[in-house]
Amino acid sequence: MNAFTAGVIALSVVFSGYATEVFRGAIAAVPAGQTEAAMSLGLNAWQRWLLVVGPQLLRLALPAYGNLCISLFKDTALVSIVGLTDVMRVAFVGAGSMRAPLGLRPRFT
């Protein structure tokens, strides 16, 4: 597995856990009276979620989810660093085999 794939998988797992917690908290923040009022109107479960809980959930979750997206964007720099260390290691090994930095050939005068 290359560094990019490992970085994508790691960031996906971490981000999905945080996003799940954000949406769980937003669902818990919707007052129970809203659902009870929708039930008293005769709405079924899908209608309650789509028309009552869903819009309130999005309003409550959007700021925290936006922060998570910004954090994910900043954490992608870590994936590039992992790739950079691989590139620098290859360059170091290449320079060591030629006994010259930056791939320059030594001059024999």
PDB file of N, CA and C in Angstrom:
ATOM      1  N   MET A   1       0.857  -1.169   0.000  1.00  0.00           N
ATOM      2  CA  MET A   1       0.000   0.000   0.000  1.00  0.00           C
ATOM      3  C   MET A   1       0.905   1.234   0.000  1.00  0.00           C
ATOM      4  N   ASN A   2       0.620   2.157  -0.892  1.00  0.00           N
ATOM      5  CA  ASN A   2       1.449   3.363  -0.939  1.00  0.00           C
ATOM      6  C   ASN A   2       1.001   4.370   0.125  1.00  0.00           C
ATOM      7  N   ALA A   3       1.786   5.412   0.284  1.00  0.00           N
ATOM      8  CA  ALA A   3       1.539   6.390   1.350  1.00  0.00           C
ATOM      9  C   ALA A   3       0.233   7.147   1.129  1.00  0.00           C
ATOM     10  N   PHE A   4      -0.095   7.448  -0.113  1.00  0.00           N
ATOM     11  CA  PHE A   4      -1.322   8.205  -0.389  1.00  0.00           C
ATOM     12  C   PHE A   4      -2.556   7.403   0.017  1.00  0.00           C
ATOM     13  N   THR A   5      -2.595   6.130  -0.350  1.00  0.00           N
ATOM     14  CA  THR A   5      -3.748   5.289  -0.007  1.00  0.00           C
ATOM     15  C   THR A   5      -3.878   5.145   1.507  1.00  0.00           C
ATOM     16  N   ALA A   6      -2.776   4.926   2.182  1.00  0.00           N
ATOM     17  CA  ALA A   6      -2.810   4.808   3.640  1.00  0.00           C
ATOM     18  C   ALA A   6      -3.291   6.103   4.279  1.00  0.00           C
ATOM     19  N   GLY A   7      -2.837   7.251   3.759  1.00  0.00           N
ATOM     20  CA  GLY A   7      -3.272   8.538   4.294  1.00  0.00           C
ATOM     21  C   GLY A   7      -4.749   8.785   4.083  1.00  0.00           C
ATOM     22  N   VAL A   8      -5.258   8.437   2.906  1.00  0.00           N
ATOM     23  CA  VAL A   8      -6.683   8.617   2.614  1.00  0.00           C
ATOM     24  C   VAL A   8      -7.528   7.740   3.527  1.00  0.00           C
ATOM     25  N   ILE A   9      -7.123   6.502   3.704  1.00  0.00           N
ATOM     26  CA  ILE A   9      -7.883   5.595   4.576  1.00  0.00           C
ATOM     27  C   ILE A   9      -7.859   6.095   6.023  1.00  0.00           C
ATOM     28  N   ALA A  10      -6.701   6.516   6.494  1.00  0.00           N
ATOM     29  CA  ALA A  10      -6.599   6.994   7.881  1.00  0.00           C
ATOM     30  C   ALA A  10      -7.451   8.239   8.101  1.00  0.00           C
ATOM     31  N   LEU A  11      -7.359   9.203   7.183  1.00  0.00           N
ATOM     32  CA  LEU A  11      -8.155  10.419   7.350  1.00  0.00           C
ATOM     33  C   LEU A  11      -9.650  10.133   7.215  1.00  0.00           C
ATOM     34  N   SER A  12     -10.024   9.193   6.362  1.00  0.00           N
ATOM     35  CA  SER A  12     -11.436   8.838   6.212  1.00  0.00           C
ATOM     36  C   SER A  12     -11.996   8.221   7.482  1.00  0.00           C
ATOM     37  N   VAL A  13     -11.244   7.335   8.096  1.00  0.00           N
ATOM     38  CA  VAL A  13     -11.712   6.689   9.323  1.00  0.00           C
ATOM     39  C   VAL A  13     -11.862   7.709  10.446  1.00  0.00           C
ATOM     40  N   VAL A  14     -10.866   8.567  10.609  1.00  0.00           N
ATOM     41  CA  VAL A  14     -10.919   9.562  11.684  1.00  0.00           C
ATOM     42  C   VAL A  14     -12.034  10.573  11.432  1.00  0.00           C
ATOM     43  N   PHE A  15     -12.134  11.062  10.196  1.00  0.00           N
ATOM     44  CA  PHE A  15     -13.147  12.060   9.877  1.00  0.00           C
ATOM     45  C   PHE A  15     -14.553  11.487  10.023  1.00  0.00           C
ATOM     46  N   SER A  16     -14.752  10.228   9.621  1.00  0.00           N
ATOM     47  CA  SER A  16     -16.088   9.642   9.735  1.00  0.00           C
ATOM     48  C   SER A  16     -16.506   9.489  11.190  1.00  0.00           C
ATOM     49  N   GLY A  17     -15.560   9.179  12.063  1.00  0.00           N
ATOM     50  CA  GLY A  17     -15.885   9.093  13.494  1.00  0.00           C
ATOM     51  C   GLY A  17     -16.296  10.433  14.072  1.00  0.00           C
ATOM     52  N   TYR A  18     -15.551  11.484  13.728  1.00  0.00           N
ATOM     53  CA  TYR A  18     -15.909  12.817  14.214  1.00  0.00           C
ATOM     54  C   TYR A  18     -17.236  13.286  13.619  1.00  0.00           C
ATOM     55  N   ALA A  19     -17.467  13.011  12.335  1.00  0.00           N
ATOM     56  CA  ALA A  19     -18.718  13.436  11.692  1.00  0.00           C
ATOM     57  C   ALA A  19     -19.914  12.717  12.306  1.00  0.00           C
ATOM     58  N   THR A  20     -19.746  11.442  12.607  1.00  0.00           N
ATOM     59  CA  THR A  20     -20.819  10.693  13.264  1.00  0.00           C
ATOM     60  C   THR A  20     -21.171  11.317  14.605  1.00  0.00           C
ATOM     61  N   GLU A  21     -20.158  11.710  15.357  1.00  0.00           N
ATOM     62  CA  GLU A  21     -20.406  12.326  16.659  1.00  0.00           C
ATOM     63  C   GLU A  21     -21.097  13.686  16.513  1.00  0.00           C
ATOM     64  N   VAL A  22     -20.736  14.437  15.497  1.00  0.00           N
ATOM     65  CA  VAL A  22     -21.388  15.733  15.263  1.00  0.00           C
ATOM     66  C   VAL A  22     -22.867  15.530  14.973  1.00  0.00           C
ATOM     67  N   PHE A  23     -23.191  14.584  14.103  1.00  0.00           N
ATOM     68  CA  PHE A  23     -24.598  14.353  13.765  1.00  0.00           C
ATOM     69  C   PHE A  23     -25.369  13.718  14.912  1.00  0.00           C
ATOM     70  N   ARG A  24     -24.708  12.879  15.712  1.00  0.00           N
ATOM     71  CA  ARG A  24     -25.378  12.319  16.879  1.00  0.00           C
ATOM     72  C   ARG A  24     -25.743  13.420  17.874  1.00  0.00           C
ATOM     73  N   GLY A  25     -24.815  14.335  18.072  1.00  0.00           N
ATOM     74  CA  GLY A  25     -25.093  15.447  18.970  1.00  0.00           C
ATOM     75  C   GLY A  25     -26.187  16.358  18.448  1.00  0.00           C
ATOM     76  N   ALA A  26     -26.224  16.557  17.135  1.00  0.00           N
ATOM     77  CA  ALA A  26     -27.273  17.400  16.554  1.00  0.00           C
ATOM     78  C   ALA A  26     -28.637  16.731  16.685  1.00  0.00           C
ATOM     79  N   ILE A  27     -28.690  15.416  16.518  1.00  0.00           N
ATOM     80  CA  ILE A  27     -29.965  14.704  16.691  1.00  0.00           C
ATOM     81  C   ILE A  27     -30.424  14.816  18.142  1.00  0.00           C
ATOM     82  N   ALA A  28     -29.494  14.683  19.079  1.00  0.00           N
ATOM     83  CA  ALA A  28     -29.852  14.778  20.493  1.00  0.00           C
ATOM     84  C   ALA A  28     -30.288  16.190  20.870  1.00  0.00           C
ATOM     85  N   ALA A  29     -29.827  17.193  20.119  1.00  0.00           N
ATOM     86  CA  ALA A  29     -30.168  18.581  20.450  1.00  0.00           C
ATOM     87  C   ALA A  29     -31.544  18.997  19.949  1.00  0.00           C
ATOM     88  N   VAL A  30     -32.133  18.236  19.039  1.00  0.00           N
ATOM     89  CA  VAL A  30     -33.485  18.555  18.579  1.00  0.00           C
ATOM     90  C   VAL A  30     -34.445  18.212  19.719  1.00  0.00           C
ATOM     91  N   PRO A  31     -35.258  19.164  20.136  1.00  0.00           N
ATOM     92  CA  PRO A  31     -36.155  18.913  21.267  1.00  0.00           C
ATOM     93  C   PRO A  31     -37.137  17.772  20.990  1.00  0.00           C
ATOM     94  N   ALA A  32     -37.396  16.970  22.003  1.00  0.00           N
ATOM     95  CA  ALA A  32     -38.317  15.845  21.855  1.00  0.00           C
ATOM     96  C   ALA A  32     -39.738  16.316  21.540  1.00  0.00           C
ATOM     97  N   GLY A  33     -40.067  17.519  21.965  1.00  0.00           N
ATOM     98  CA  GLY A  33     -41.397  18.056  21.687  1.00  0.00           C
ATOM     99  C   GLY A  33     -41.660  18.245  20.197  1.00  0.00           C
ATOM    100  N   GLN A  34     -40.616  18.483  19.429  1.00  0.00           N
ATOM    101  CA  GLN A  34     -40.791  18.626  17.982  1.00  0.00           C
ATOM    102  C   GLN A  34     -41.258  17.311  17.364  1.00  0.00           C
ATOM    103  N   THR A  35     -40.633  16.219  17.774  1.00  0.00           N
ATOM    104  CA  THR A  35     -41.027  14.905  17.263  1.00  0.00           C
ATOM    105  C   THR A  35     -42.426  14.539  17.741  1.00  0.00           C
ATOM    106  N   GLU A  36     -42.727  14.859  18.986  1.00  0.00           N
ATOM    107  CA  GLU A  36     -44.062  14.561  19.512  1.00  0.00           C
ATOM    108  C   GLU A  36     -45.127  15.365  18.790  1.00  0.00           C
ATOM    109  N   ALA A  37     -44.815  16.611  18.443  1.00  0.00           N
ATOM    110  CA  ALA A  37     -45.773  17.430  17.705  1.00  0.00           C
ATOM    111  C   ALA A  37     -45.987  16.860  16.304  1.00  0.00           C
ATOM    112  N   ALA A  38     -44.919  16.377  15.674  1.00  0.00           N
ATOM    113  CA  ALA A  38     -45.060  15.771  14.346  1.00  0.00           C
ATOM    114  C   ALA A  38     -45.873  14.487  14.420  1.00  0.00           C
ATOM    115  N   MET A  39     -45.704  13.727  15.507  1.00  0.00           N
ATOM    116  CA  MET A  39     -46.498  12.511  15.686  1.00  0.00           C
ATOM    117  C   MET A  39     -47.967  12.860  15.884  1.00  0.00           C
ATOM    118  N   SER A  40     -48.246  13.950  16.595  1.00  0.00           N
ATOM    119  CA  SER A  40     -49.638  14.344  16.824  1.00  0.00           C
ATOM    120  C   SER A  40     -50.307  14.817  15.539  1.00  0.00           C
ATOM    121  N   LEU A  41     -49.506  15.270  14.561  1.00  0.00           N
ATOM    122  CA  LEU A  41     -50.047  15.643  13.258  1.00  0.00           C
ATOM    123  C   LEU A  41     -50.298  14.437  12.366  1.00  0.00           C
ATOM    124  N   GLY A  42     -49.846  13.269  12.806  1.00  0.00           N
ATOM    125  CA  GLY A  42     -50.071  12.044  12.046  1.00  0.00           C
ATOM    126  C   GLY A  42     -48.986  11.749  11.022  1.00  0.00           C
ATOM    127  N   LEU A  43     -47.817  12.338  11.179  1.00  0.00           N
ATOM    128  CA  LEU A  43     -46.725  12.063  10.253  1.00  0.00           C
ATOM    129  C   LEU A  43     -46.074  10.724  10.594  1.00  0.00           C
ATOM    130  N   ASN A  44     -45.729   9.955   9.569  1.00  0.00           N
ATOM    131  CA  ASN A  44     -45.037   8.692   9.834  1.00  0.00           C
ATOM    132  C   ASN A  44     -43.558   8.980  10.108  1.00  0.00           C
ATOM    133  N   ALA A  45     -42.771   7.937  10.370  1.00  0.00           N
ATOM    134  CA  ALA A  45     -41.380   8.119  10.792  1.00  0.00           C
ATOM    135  C   ALA A  45     -40.549   8.826   9.724  1.00  0.00           C
ATOM    136  N   TRP A  46     -40.715   8.435   8.458  1.00  0.00           N
ATOM    137  CA  TRP A  46     -39.937   9.065   7.385  1.00  0.00           C
ATOM    138  C   TRP A  46     -40.301  10.536   7.232  1.00  0.00           C
ATOM    139  N   GLN A  47     -41.568  10.869   7.333  1.00  0.00           N
ATOM    140  CA  GLN A  47     -42.000  12.270   7.228  1.00  0.00           C
ATOM    141  C   GLN A  47     -41.493  13.088   8.399  1.00  0.00           C
ATOM    142  N   ARG A  48     -41.490  12.500   9.596  1.00  0.00           N
ATOM    143  CA  ARG A  48     -40.958  13.220  10.760  1.00  0.00           C
ATOM    144  C   ARG A  48     -39.489  13.560  10.558  1.00  0.00           C
ATOM    145  N   TRP A  49     -38.708  12.580  10.089  1.00  0.00           N
ATOM    146  CA  TRP A  49     -37.286  12.833   9.869  1.00  0.00           C
ATOM    147  C   TRP A  49     -37.057  13.828   8.746  1.00  0.00           C
ATOM    148  N   LEU A  50     -37.808  13.687   7.660  1.00  0.00           N
ATOM    149  CA  LEU A  50     -37.593  14.532   6.487  1.00  0.00           C
ATOM    150  C   LEU A  50     -38.085  15.959   6.697  1.00  0.00           C
ATOM    151  N   LEU A  51     -39.213  16.119   7.354  1.00  0.00           N
ATOM    152  CA  LEU A  51     -39.836  17.438   7.448  1.00  0.00           C
ATOM    153  C   LEU A  51     -39.584  18.168   8.771  1.00  0.00           C
ATOM    154  N   VAL A  52     -39.313  17.431   9.834  1.00  0.00           N
ATOM    155  CA  VAL A  52     -39.193  18.077  11.147  1.00  0.00           C
ATOM    156  C   VAL A  52     -37.766  17.976  11.697  1.00  0.00           C
ATOM    157  N   VAL A  53     -37.281  16.765  11.853  1.00  0.00           N
ATOM    158  CA  VAL A  53     -35.977  16.567  12.488  1.00  0.00           C
ATOM    159  C   VAL A  53     -34.843  16.955  11.536  1.00  0.00           C
ATOM    160  N   GLY A  54     -34.928  16.570  10.269  1.00  0.00           N
ATOM    161  CA  GLY A  54     -33.860  16.814   9.304  1.00  0.00           C
ATOM    162  C   GLY A  54     -33.448  18.272   9.171  1.00  0.00           C
ATOM    163  N   PRO A  55     -34.389  19.191   8.914  1.00  0.00           N
ATOM    164  CA  PRO A  55     -33.978  20.593   8.791  1.00  0.00           C
ATOM    165  C   PRO A  55     -33.356  21.168  10.075  1.00  0.00           C
ATOM    166  N   GLN A  56     -33.883  20.794  11.220  1.00  0.00           N
ATOM    167  CA  GLN A  56     -33.306  21.279  12.475  1.00  0.00           C
ATOM    168  C   GLN A  56     -31.939  20.651  12.728  1.00  0.00           C
ATOM    169  N   LEU A  57     -31.806  19.381  12.363  1.00  0.00           N
ATOM    170  CA  LEU A  57     -30.537  18.686  12.512  1.00  0.00           C
ATOM    171  C   LEU A  57     -29.464  19.358  11.670  1.00  0.00           C
ATOM    172  N   LEU A  58     -29.766  19.678  10.430  1.00  0.00           N
ATOM    173  CA  LEU A  58     -28.779  20.320   9.563  1.00  0.00           C
ATOM    174  C   LEU A  58     -28.391  21.697  10.078  1.00  0.00           C
ATOM    175  N   ARG A  59     -29.352  22.435  10.585  1.00  0.00           N
ATOM    176  CA  ARG A  59     -29.064  23.767  11.120  1.00  0.00           C
ATOM    177  C   ARG A  59     -28.121  23.680  12.311  1.00  0.00           C
ATOM    178  N   LEU A  60     -28.294  22.655  13.132  1.00  0.00           N
ATOM    179  CA  LEU A  60     -27.445  22.499  14.311  1.00  0.00           C
ATOM    180  C   LEU A  60     -26.083  21.883  13.979  1.00  0.00           C
ATOM    181  N   ALA A  61     -26.027  21.002  12.983  1.00  0.00           N
ATOM    182  CA  ALA A  61     -24.787  20.282  12.682  1.00  0.00           C
ATOM    183  C   ALA A  61     -23.883  21.032  11.720  1.00  0.00           C
ATOM    184  N   LEU A  62     -24.424  21.966  10.958  1.00  0.00           N
ATOM    185  CA  LEU A  62     -23.630  22.608   9.906  1.00  0.00           C
ATOM    186  C   LEU A  62     -22.381  23.330  10.408  1.00  0.00           C
ATOM    187  N   PRO A  63     -22.424  24.126  11.484  1.00  0.00           N
ATOM    188  CA  PRO A  63     -21.191  24.786  11.933  1.00  0.00           C
ATOM    189  C   PRO A  63     -20.086  23.814  12.348  1.00  0.00           C
ATOM    190  N   ALA A  64     -20.445  22.799  13.122  1.00  0.00           N
ATOM    191  CA  ALA A  64     -19.432  21.825  13.564  1.00  0.00           C
ATOM    192  C   ALA A  64     -18.931  21.003  12.387  1.00  0.00           C
ATOM    193  N   TYR A  65     -19.807  20.665  11.448  1.00  0.00           N
ATOM    194  CA  TYR A  65     -19.386  19.904  10.275  1.00  0.00           C
ATOM    195  C   TYR A  65     -18.477  20.742   9.387  1.00  0.00           C
ATOM    196  N   GLY A  66     -18.746  22.029   9.302  1.00  0.00           N
ATOM    197  CA  GLY A  66     -17.859  22.924   8.565  1.00  0.00           C
ATOM    198  C   GLY A  66     -16.482  22.974   9.186  1.00  0.00           C
ATOM    199  N   ASN A  67     -16.422  23.011  10.513  1.00  0.00           N
ATOM    200  CA  ASN A  67     -15.126  22.980  11.209  1.00  0.00           C
ATOM    201  C   ASN A  67     -14.386  21.676  10.933  1.00  0.00           C
ATOM    202  N   LEU A  68     -15.123  20.571  10.872  1.00  0.00           N
ATOM    203  CA  LEU A  68     -14.489  19.290  10.567  1.00  0.00           C
ATOM    204  C   LEU A  68     -13.923  19.274   9.151  1.00  0.00           C
ATOM    205  N   CYS A  69     -14.646  19.863   8.209  1.00  0.00           N
ATOM    206  CA  CYS A  69     -14.149  19.912   6.831  1.00  0.00           C
ATOM    207  C   CYS A  69     -12.882  20.751   6.736  1.00  0.00           C
ATOM    208  N   ILE A  70     -12.839  21.849   7.452  1.00  0.00           N
ATOM    209  CA  ILE A  70     -11.631  22.683   7.469  1.00  0.00           C
ATOM    210  C   ILE A  70     -10.479  21.919   8.106  1.00  0.00           C
ATOM    211  N   SER A  71     -10.761  21.213   9.182  1.00  0.00           N
ATOM    212  CA  SER A  71      -9.728  20.417   9.843  1.00  0.00           C
ATOM    213  C   SER A  71      -9.223  19.306   8.923  1.00  0.00           C
ATOM    214  N   LEU A  72     -10.125  18.674   8.193  1.00  0.00           N
ATOM    215  CA  LEU A  72      -9.719  17.637   7.239  1.00  0.00           C
ATOM    216  C   LEU A  72      -8.843  18.222   6.146  1.00  0.00           C
ATOM    217  N   PHE A  73      -9.197  19.395   5.671  1.00  0.00           N
ATOM    218  CA  PHE A  73      -8.404  20.054   4.641  1.00  0.00           C
ATOM    219  C   PHE A  73      -6.991  20.348   5.151  1.00  0.00           C
ATOM    220  N   LYS A  74      -6.907  20.780   6.401  1.00  0.00           N
ATOM    221  CA  LYS A  74      -5.585  21.059   6.976  1.00  0.00           C
ATOM    222  C   LYS A  74      -4.804  19.772   7.229  1.00  0.00           C
ATOM    223  N   ASP A  75      -5.502  18.694   7.575  1.00  0.00           N
ATOM    224  CA  ASP A  75      -4.822  17.427   7.859  1.00  0.00           C
ATOM    225  C   ASP A  75      -4.311  16.743   6.598  1.00  0.00           C
ATOM    226  N   THR A  76      -4.793  17.155   5.438  1.00  0.00           N
ATOM    227  CA  THR A  76      -4.269  16.566   4.207  1.00  0.00           C
ATOM    228  C   THR A  76      -2.798  16.926   4.022  1.00  0.00           C
ATOM    229  N   ALA A  77      -2.337  17.971   4.667  1.00  0.00           N
ATOM    230  CA  ALA A  77      -0.914  18.297   4.613  1.00  0.00           C
ATOM    231  C   ALA A  77      -0.079  17.190   5.242  1.00  0.00           C
ATOM    232  N   LEU A  78      -0.641  16.481   6.216  1.00  0.00           N
ATOM    233  CA  LEU A  78       0.077  15.369   6.831  1.00  0.00           C
ATOM    234  C   LEU A  78       0.321  14.247   5.829  1.00  0.00           C
ATOM    235  N   VAL A  79      -0.650  14.035   4.945  1.00  0.00           N
ATOM    236  CA  VAL A  79      -0.483  13.004   3.927  1.00  0.00           C
ATOM    237  C   VAL A  79       0.654  13.387   2.983  1.00  0.00           C
ATOM    238  N   SER A  80       0.751  14.665   2.652  1.00  0.00           N
ATOM    239  CA  SER A  80       1.841  15.083   1.773  1.00  0.00           C
ATOM    240  C   SER A  80       3.189  14.952   2.469  1.00  0.00           C
ATOM    241  N   ILE A  81       3.226  15.148   3.771  1.00  0.00           N
ATOM    242  CA  ILE A  81       4.483  14.990   4.512  1.00  0.00           C
ATOM    243  C   ILE A  81       4.917  13.529   4.500  1.00  0.00           C
ATOM    244  N   VAL A  82       3.960  12.611   4.640  1.00  0.00           N
ATOM    245  CA  VAL A  82       4.302  11.187   4.581  1.00  0.00           C
ATOM    246  C   VAL A  82       4.898  10.867   3.219  1.00  0.00           C
ATOM    247  N   GLY A  83       4.299  11.387   2.155  1.00  0.00           N
ATOM    248  CA  GLY A  83       4.851  11.183   0.822  1.00  0.00           C
ATOM    249  C   GLY A  83       6.195  11.860   0.652  1.00  0.00           C
ATOM    250  N   LEU A  84       6.379  13.023   1.267  1.00  0.00           N
ATOM    251  CA  LEU A  84       7.636  13.750   1.160  1.00  0.00           C
ATOM    252  C   LEU A  84       8.771  12.987   1.828  1.00  0.00           C
ATOM    253  N   THR A  85       8.493  12.363   2.964  1.00  0.00           N
ATOM    254  CA  THR A  85       9.549  11.601   3.622  1.00  0.00           C
ATOM    255  C   THR A  85       9.978  10.419   2.761  1.00  0.00           C
ATOM    256  N   ASP A  86       9.029   9.809   2.052  1.00  0.00           N
ATOM    257  CA  ASP A  86       9.396   8.726   1.142  1.00  0.00           C
ATOM    258  C   ASP A  86      10.287   9.238   0.025  1.00  0.00           C
ATOM    259  N   VAL A  87       9.938  10.391  -0.541  1.00  0.00           N
ATOM    260  CA  VAL A  87      10.731  10.969  -1.622  1.00  0.00           C
ATOM    261  C   VAL A  87      12.114  11.362  -1.112  1.00  0.00           C
ATOM    262  N   MET A  88      12.180  11.959   0.069  1.00  0.00           N
ATOM    263  CA  MET A  88      13.469  12.371   0.616  1.00  0.00           C
ATOM    264  C   MET A  88      14.343  11.151   0.931  1.00  0.00           C
ATOM    265  N   ARG A  89      13.735  10.065   1.369  1.00  0.00           N
ATOM    266  CA  ARG A  89      14.505   8.843   1.637  1.00  0.00           C
ATOM    267  C   ARG A  89      15.108   8.302   0.344  1.00  0.00           C
ATOM    268  N   VAL A  90      14.327   8.292  -0.727  1.00  0.00           N
ATOM    269  CA  VAL A  90      14.843   7.830  -2.014  1.00  0.00           C
ATOM    270  C   VAL A  90      15.976   8.739  -2.482  1.00  0.00           C
ATOM    271  N   ALA A  91      15.817  10.058  -2.304  1.00  0.00           N
ATOM    272  CA  ALA A  91      16.871  10.987  -2.703  1.00  0.00           C
ATOM    273  C   ALA A  91      18.132  10.779  -1.857  1.00  0.00           C
ATOM    274  N   PHE A  92      17.958  10.510  -0.569  1.00  0.00           N
ATOM    275  CA  PHE A  92      19.104  10.290   0.307  1.00  0.00           C
ATOM    276  C   PHE A  92      19.855   9.022  -0.093  1.00  0.00           C
ATOM    277  N   VAL A  93      19.123   7.971  -0.391  1.00  0.00           N
ATOM    278  CA  VAL A  93      19.762   6.724  -0.804  1.00  0.00           C
ATOM    279  C   VAL A  93      20.479   6.926  -2.139  1.00  0.00           C
ATOM    280  N   GLY A  94      19.832   7.659  -3.057  1.00  0.00           N
ATOM    281  CA  GLY A  94      20.457   7.926  -4.347  1.00  0.00           C
ATOM    282  C   GLY A  94      21.711   8.765  -4.213  1.00  0.00           C
ATOM    283  N   ALA A  95      21.675   9.768  -3.354  1.00  0.00           N
ATOM    284  CA  ALA A  95      22.848  10.618  -3.145  1.00  0.00           C
ATOM    285  C   ALA A  95      23.962   9.843  -2.458  1.00  0.00           C
ATOM    286  N   GLY A  96      23.600   8.933  -1.566  1.00  0.00           N
ATOM    287  CA  GLY A  96      24.611   8.138  -0.874  1.00  0.00           C
ATOM    288  C   GLY A  96      25.297   7.155  -1.804  1.00  0.00           C
ATOM    289  N   SER A  97      24.554   6.628  -2.759  1.00  0.00           N
ATOM    290  CA  SER A  97      25.177   5.670  -3.665  1.00  0.00           C
ATOM    291  C   SER A  97      26.159   6.346  -4.610  1.00  0.00           C
ATOM    292  N   MET A  98      25.935   7.625  -4.913  1.00  0.00           N
ATOM    293  CA  MET A  98      26.850   8.358  -5.795  1.00  0.00           C
ATOM    294  C   MET A  98      27.864   9.163  -4.996  1.00  0.00           C
ATOM    295  N   ARG A  99      27.703   9.183  -3.672  1.00  0.00           N
ATOM    296  CA  ARG A  99      28.567   9.929  -2.769  1.00  0.00           C
ATOM    297  C   ARG A  99      28.579  11.426  -3.077  1.00  0.00           C
ATOM    298  N   ALA A 100      27.426  11.923  -3.494  1.00  0.00           N
ATOM    299  CA  ALA A 100      27.314  13.352  -3.795  1.00  0.00           C
ATOM    300  C   ALA A 100      25.870  13.781  -3.538  1.00  0.00           C
ATOM    301  N   PRO A 101      25.655  14.934  -2.896  1.00  0.00           N
ATOM    302  CA  PRO A 101      24.295  15.411  -2.689  1.00  0.00           C
ATOM    303  C   PRO A 101      23.683  15.914  -3.995  1.00  0.00           C
ATOM    304  N   LEU A 102      22.387  15.881  -4.064  1.00  0.00           N
ATOM    305  CA  LEU A 102      21.603  16.388  -5.191  1.00  0.00           C
ATOM    306  C   LEU A 102      21.937  15.674  -6.505  1.00  0.00           C
ATOM    307  N   GLY A 103      22.473  14.506  -6.431  1.00  0.00           N
ATOM    308  CA  GLY A 103      22.710  13.718  -7.626  1.00  0.00           C
ATOM    309  C   GLY A 103      23.835  14.227  -8.500  1.00  0.00           C
ATOM    310  N   LEU A 104      24.693  15.107  -7.977  1.00  0.00           N
ATOM    311  CA  LEU A 104      25.822  15.622  -8.769  1.00  0.00           C
ATOM    312  C   LEU A 104      26.956  14.621  -8.744  1.00  0.00           C
ATOM    313  N   ARG A 105      27.596  14.489  -9.849  1.00  0.00           N
ATOM    314  CA  ARG A 105      28.733  13.565  -9.913  1.00  0.00           C
ATOM    315  C   ARG A 105      29.975  14.273  -9.323  1.00  0.00           C
ATOM    316  N   PRO A 106      30.770  13.560  -8.574  1.00  0.00           N
ATOM    317  CA  PRO A 106      31.980  14.170  -8.009  1.00  0.00           C
ATOM    318  C   PRO A 106      33.007  14.424  -9.112  1.00  0.00           C
ATOM    319  N   ARG A 107      33.740  15.490  -8.950  1.00  0.00           N
ATOM    320  CA  ARG A 107      34.795  15.835  -9.900  1.00  0.00           C
ATOM    321  C   ARG A 107      36.103  15.246  -9.413  1.00  0.00           C
ATOM    322  N   PHE A 108      36.781  14.597 -10.304  1.00  0.00           N
ATOM    323  CA  PHE A 108      38.115  14.085  -9.981  1.00  0.00           C
ATOM    324  C   PHE A 108      39.132  14.922 -10.705  1.00  0.00           C
ATOM    325  N   THR A 109      39.814  15.800  -9.995  1.00  0.00           N
ATOM    326  CA  THR A 109      40.824  16.669 -10.639  1.00  0.00           C
ATOM    327  C   THR A 109      42.201  16.363 -10.127  1.00  0.00           C
TER     328      THR A 109
END
